[in-house]
Amino acid sequence: MALEMPAGGRTLVHRKRQRGQSLVEFAISSMVLLLLAMGLIDLSRAFYYSVSLQGAAREGARHGAWFNTAARENNFLDDADVLRAVSDSLYGAGFKDPQIHLMQQAGCLSPTDGNGVSNKPYPASAFPATSQNVNVYICYTDPNGNSRGSIINHPTDNSMWLGDINVSLLMRFQLITPLIQGLFGQGLNLAYNEHFTIQGKP
């Protein structure tokens, strides 16, 4: 004669099984949610640094292009002053001076697609070897279209009027999430550049 479990006992076993199943489902789904959250953190950090680089490149180019009408000089059209404007902007994003490098010898970058105005994309060799560092490239073009990779002392005349200054910032961004590292490697190359027409008076 078979013994039947009381109805209350069957209900108790059923509830325990449901609790166990819910626990397993929660464990699996929480792992997925955790990975998604960490991925979003990485992408948010990348976006934050992208905006910071873009703003710093713009500020450096704008600063260098400014013209002092009274003195008839571009007082800040030189490597040191442009780099100072870029650095001051990057400090707000947490960068320190040892992380910011002026690549003076290679001011005018050669883009990989051959465009003649030193715009993106840039070769991998132009990016910093160390993560969370920024390489700064400054390219000056005079009104006749001749490019110069460096200006040590700002011009004391109006000779660069209607020329171009192009500030390029290249960064190796460090990823921290293992899943995202698996997709993109250890880091992402971020690059921004900004052109400004050099101001002056006819």
Protein backbone atom coordinates (compact mmCIF):
# COMPACT_ATOMS: atom_id res chain seq x y z
CA MET A 1 0.00 0.00 0.00
CA ALA A 2 1.57 3.32 -1.13
CA LEU A 3 1.81 6.15 1.33
CA GLU A 4 0.77 9.55 0.14
CA MET A 5 2.44 12.74 1.35
CA PRO A 6 0.01 15.10 3.01
CA ALA A 7 -0.99 18.10 0.90
CA GLY A 8 0.77 20.48 3.28
CA GLY A 9 4.06 18.56 2.87
CA ARG A 10 3.86 18.66 -0.93
CA THR A 11 3.31 22.42 -0.81
CA LEU A 12 6.36 22.87 1.45
CA VAL A 13 8.62 20.88 -0.90
CA HIS A 14 7.27 22.80 -3.89
CA ARG A 15 8.03 26.13 -2.18
CA LYS A 16 11.57 25.03 -1.33
CA ARG A 17 12.17 24.04 -4.94
CA GLN A 18 10.85 27.42 -6.11
CA ARG A 19 13.15 29.23 -3.69
CA GLY A 20 16.14 27.23 -4.93
CA GLN A 21 15.26 27.90 -8.55
CA SER A 22 14.83 31.63 -7.86
CA LEU A 23 18.23 31.73 -6.16
CA VAL A 24 19.93 30.13 -9.17
CA GLU A 25 18.14 32.47 -11.58
CA PHE A 26 19.14 35.48 -9.49
CA ALA A 27 22.79 34.36 -9.38
CA ILE A 28 22.92 33.97 -13.17
CA SER A 29 21.11 37.22 -13.94
CA SER A 30 23.14 39.21 -11.37
CA MET A 31 26.38 38.14 -13.07
CA VAL A 32 25.09 39.42 -16.40
CA LEU A 33 23.87 42.66 -14.80
CA LEU A 34 27.22 43.12 -13.04
CA LEU A 35 29.14 42.71 -16.31
CA LEU A 36 26.80 45.15 -18.05
CA ALA A 37 27.20 47.67 -15.24
CA MET A 38 31.00 47.42 -15.33
CA GLY A 39 30.94 47.76 -19.12
CA LEU A 40 28.82 50.89 -18.82
CA ILE A 41 31.29 52.28 -16.29
CA ASP A 42 34.17 51.70 -18.73
CA LEU A 43 32.30 53.27 -21.63
CA SER A 44 31.24 56.21 -19.45
CA ARG A 45 34.87 56.79 -18.46
CA ALA A 46 35.92 56.65 -22.12
CA PHE A 47 33.23 59.21 -23.02
CA TYR A 48 34.34 61.46 -20.14
CA TYR A 49 37.96 61.44 -21.32
CA SER A 50 36.89 61.93 -24.94
CA VAL A 51 35.02 65.11 -24.01
CA SER A 52 38.02 66.28 -21.96
CA LEU A 53 40.43 65.72 -24.86
CA GLN A 54 38.14 67.50 -27.29
CA GLY A 55 37.81 70.51 -24.99
CA ALA A 56 41.57 70.67 -24.32
CA ALA A 57 42.41 70.51 -28.05
CA ARG A 58 39.94 73.32 -28.75
CA GLU A 59 41.28 75.45 -25.89
CA GLY A 60 44.90 75.01 -27.01
CA ALA A 61 44.12 75.93 -30.62
CA ARG A 62 41.93 78.91 -29.63
CA HIS A 63 44.61 80.20 -27.24
CA GLY A 64 47.37 79.94 -29.84
CA ALA A 65 45.31 81.66 -32.56
CA TRP A 66 44.51 84.74 -30.46
CA PHE A 67 45.87 88.08 -31.76
CA ASN A 68 46.92 91.02 -29.62
CA THR A 69 45.66 93.95 -31.70
CA ALA A 70 47.50 96.62 -29.71
CA ALA A 71 50.90 94.89 -30.01
CA ARG A 72 50.09 93.40 -33.44
CA GLU A 73 51.43 90.05 -32.29
CA ASN A 74 50.12 86.52 -31.75
CA ASN A 75 51.39 86.45 -28.17
CA PHE A 76 50.55 82.79 -27.52
CA LEU A 77 51.42 81.27 -30.89
CA ASP A 78 54.23 79.06 -29.61
CA ASP A 79 54.65 75.54 -28.25
CA ALA A 80 54.94 76.44 -24.57
CA ASP A 81 51.85 78.66 -24.43
CA VAL A 82 49.67 76.26 -26.43
CA LEU A 83 50.81 73.35 -24.25
CA ARG A 84 50.04 75.35 -21.10
CA ALA A 85 46.47 76.00 -22.31
CA VAL A 86 46.04 72.30 -23.14
CA SER A 87 47.45 71.23 -19.77
CA ASP A 88 45.29 73.67 -17.81
CA SER A 89 42.23 72.18 -19.50
CA LEU A 90 43.34 68.58 -18.86
CA TYR A 91 43.99 69.22 -15.15
CA GLY A 92 40.22 69.36 -14.69
CA ALA A 93 39.98 65.76 -15.90
CA GLY A 94 42.56 64.60 -13.36
CA PHE A 95 45.67 64.57 -15.54
CA LYS A 96 49.04 65.59 -14.10
CA ASP A 97 52.04 67.10 -15.90
CA PRO A 98 53.97 63.78 -16.12
CA GLN A 99 51.05 62.34 -18.13
CA ILE A 100 51.04 65.14 -20.74
CA HIS A 101 53.77 64.97 -23.39
CA LEU A 102 54.54 67.55 -26.09
CA MET A 103 55.71 65.64 -29.16
CA GLN A 104 57.68 68.63 -30.45
CA GLN A 105 59.69 66.89 -33.15
CA ALA A 106 56.61 65.46 -34.85
CA GLY A 107 54.21 68.37 -34.60
CA CYS A 108 52.45 67.75 -37.91
CA LEU A 109 51.09 64.21 -37.84
CA SER A 110 50.80 62.22 -41.04
CA PRO A 111 47.31 60.67 -41.09
CA THR A 112 46.91 57.09 -42.24
CA ASP A 113 44.33 58.03 -44.90
CA GLY A 114 46.64 60.59 -46.52
CA ASN A 115 44.49 63.68 -45.93
CA GLY A 116 46.52 66.85 -46.26
CA VAL A 117 45.33 68.70 -43.17
CA SER A 118 46.65 66.37 -40.43
CA ASN A 119 43.19 65.16 -39.38
CA LYS A 120 42.31 61.70 -38.04
CA PRO A 121 42.91 58.78 -38.40
CA TYR A 122 46.43 58.65 -36.96
CA PRO A 123 48.92 55.74 -36.95
CA ALA A 124 49.14 53.54 -33.86
CA SER A 125 52.76 54.61 -33.36
CA ALA A 126 51.62 58.19 -32.65
CA PHE A 127 49.69 57.14 -29.53
CA PRO A 128 51.34 56.93 -26.09
CA ALA A 129 52.84 53.57 -25.16
CA THR A 130 51.58 54.01 -21.58
CA SER A 131 47.89 54.07 -20.69
CA GLN A 132 46.30 57.24 -19.28
CA ASN A 133 48.95 59.42 -20.95
CA VAL A 134 48.34 62.09 -23.60
CA ASN A 135 50.59 62.97 -26.55
CA VAL A 136 50.21 66.56 -27.73
CA TYR A 137 50.99 67.43 -31.35
CA ILE A 138 50.94 71.06 -32.49
CA CYS A 139 51.05 71.88 -36.19
CA TYR A 140 51.33 75.45 -37.50
CA THR A 141 50.63 76.32 -41.12
CA ASP A 142 51.55 79.75 -42.48
CA PRO A 143 49.29 81.67 -44.91
CA ASN A 144 51.23 80.19 -47.86
CA GLY A 145 50.41 76.62 -46.80
CA ASN A 146 53.84 75.74 -45.39
CA SER A 147 53.62 73.56 -42.26
CA ARG A 148 55.86 73.83 -39.23
CA GLY A 149 56.03 71.29 -36.45
CA SER A 150 57.32 73.71 -33.82
CA ILE A 151 57.42 77.41 -32.91
CA ILE A 152 59.63 78.08 -29.91
CA ASN A 153 59.09 81.85 -29.74
CA HIS A 154 55.88 83.51 -30.86
CA PRO A 155 56.13 85.70 -33.99
CA THR A 156 56.56 89.38 -33.25
CA ASP A 157 54.78 90.46 -36.41
CA ASN A 158 51.55 89.74 -38.27
CA SER A 159 53.11 87.14 -40.58
CA MET A 160 50.94 84.19 -39.49
CA TRP A 161 47.63 85.98 -40.10
CA LEU A 162 45.14 83.61 -41.81
CA GLY A 163 47.43 80.67 -41.21
CA ASP A 164 46.25 77.59 -39.30
CA ILE A 165 47.01 76.00 -35.95
CA ASN A 166 46.03 72.37 -35.45
CA VAL A 167 46.27 70.82 -31.97
CA SER A 168 45.98 67.02 -31.81
CA LEU A 169 45.63 65.08 -28.56
CA LEU A 170 46.14 61.31 -28.59
CA MET A 171 45.48 59.13 -25.56
CA ARG A 172 45.71 55.43 -24.71
CA PHE A 173 42.64 54.83 -22.52
CA GLN A 174 42.93 52.03 -19.94
CA LEU A 175 39.95 49.68 -19.70
CA ILE A 176 39.21 48.14 -16.29
CA THR A 177 36.44 45.62 -17.03
CA PRO A 178 37.63 42.09 -17.96
CA LEU A 179 34.71 41.53 -20.35
CA ILE A 180 35.34 44.79 -22.21
CA GLN A 181 39.09 44.06 -22.22
CA GLY A 182 38.28 40.77 -23.91
CA LEU A 183 36.42 42.63 -26.65
CA PHE A 184 38.73 45.62 -27.16
CA GLY A 185 42.06 44.56 -25.63
CA GLN A 186 43.74 46.36 -22.75
CA GLY A 187 42.87 49.84 -23.96
CA LEU A 188 41.29 52.13 -26.54
CA ASN A 189 43.03 54.78 -28.62
CA LEU A 190 41.28 58.13 -28.29
CA ALA A 191 42.20 61.03 -30.58
CA TYR A 192 40.87 64.56 -31.08
CA ASN A 193 42.20 67.50 -33.03
CA GLU A 194 41.06 71.07 -33.49
CA HIS A 195 41.89 73.62 -36.20
CA PHE A 196 41.74 77.38 -35.65
CA THR A 197 42.49 80.10 -38.18
CA ILE A 198 45.23 82.32 -36.79
CA GLN A 199 43.87 85.77 -36.13
CA GLY A 200 45.49 89.03 -37.23
CA LYS A 201 44.93 92.38 -38.89
CA PRO A 202 45.30 93.27 -42.57
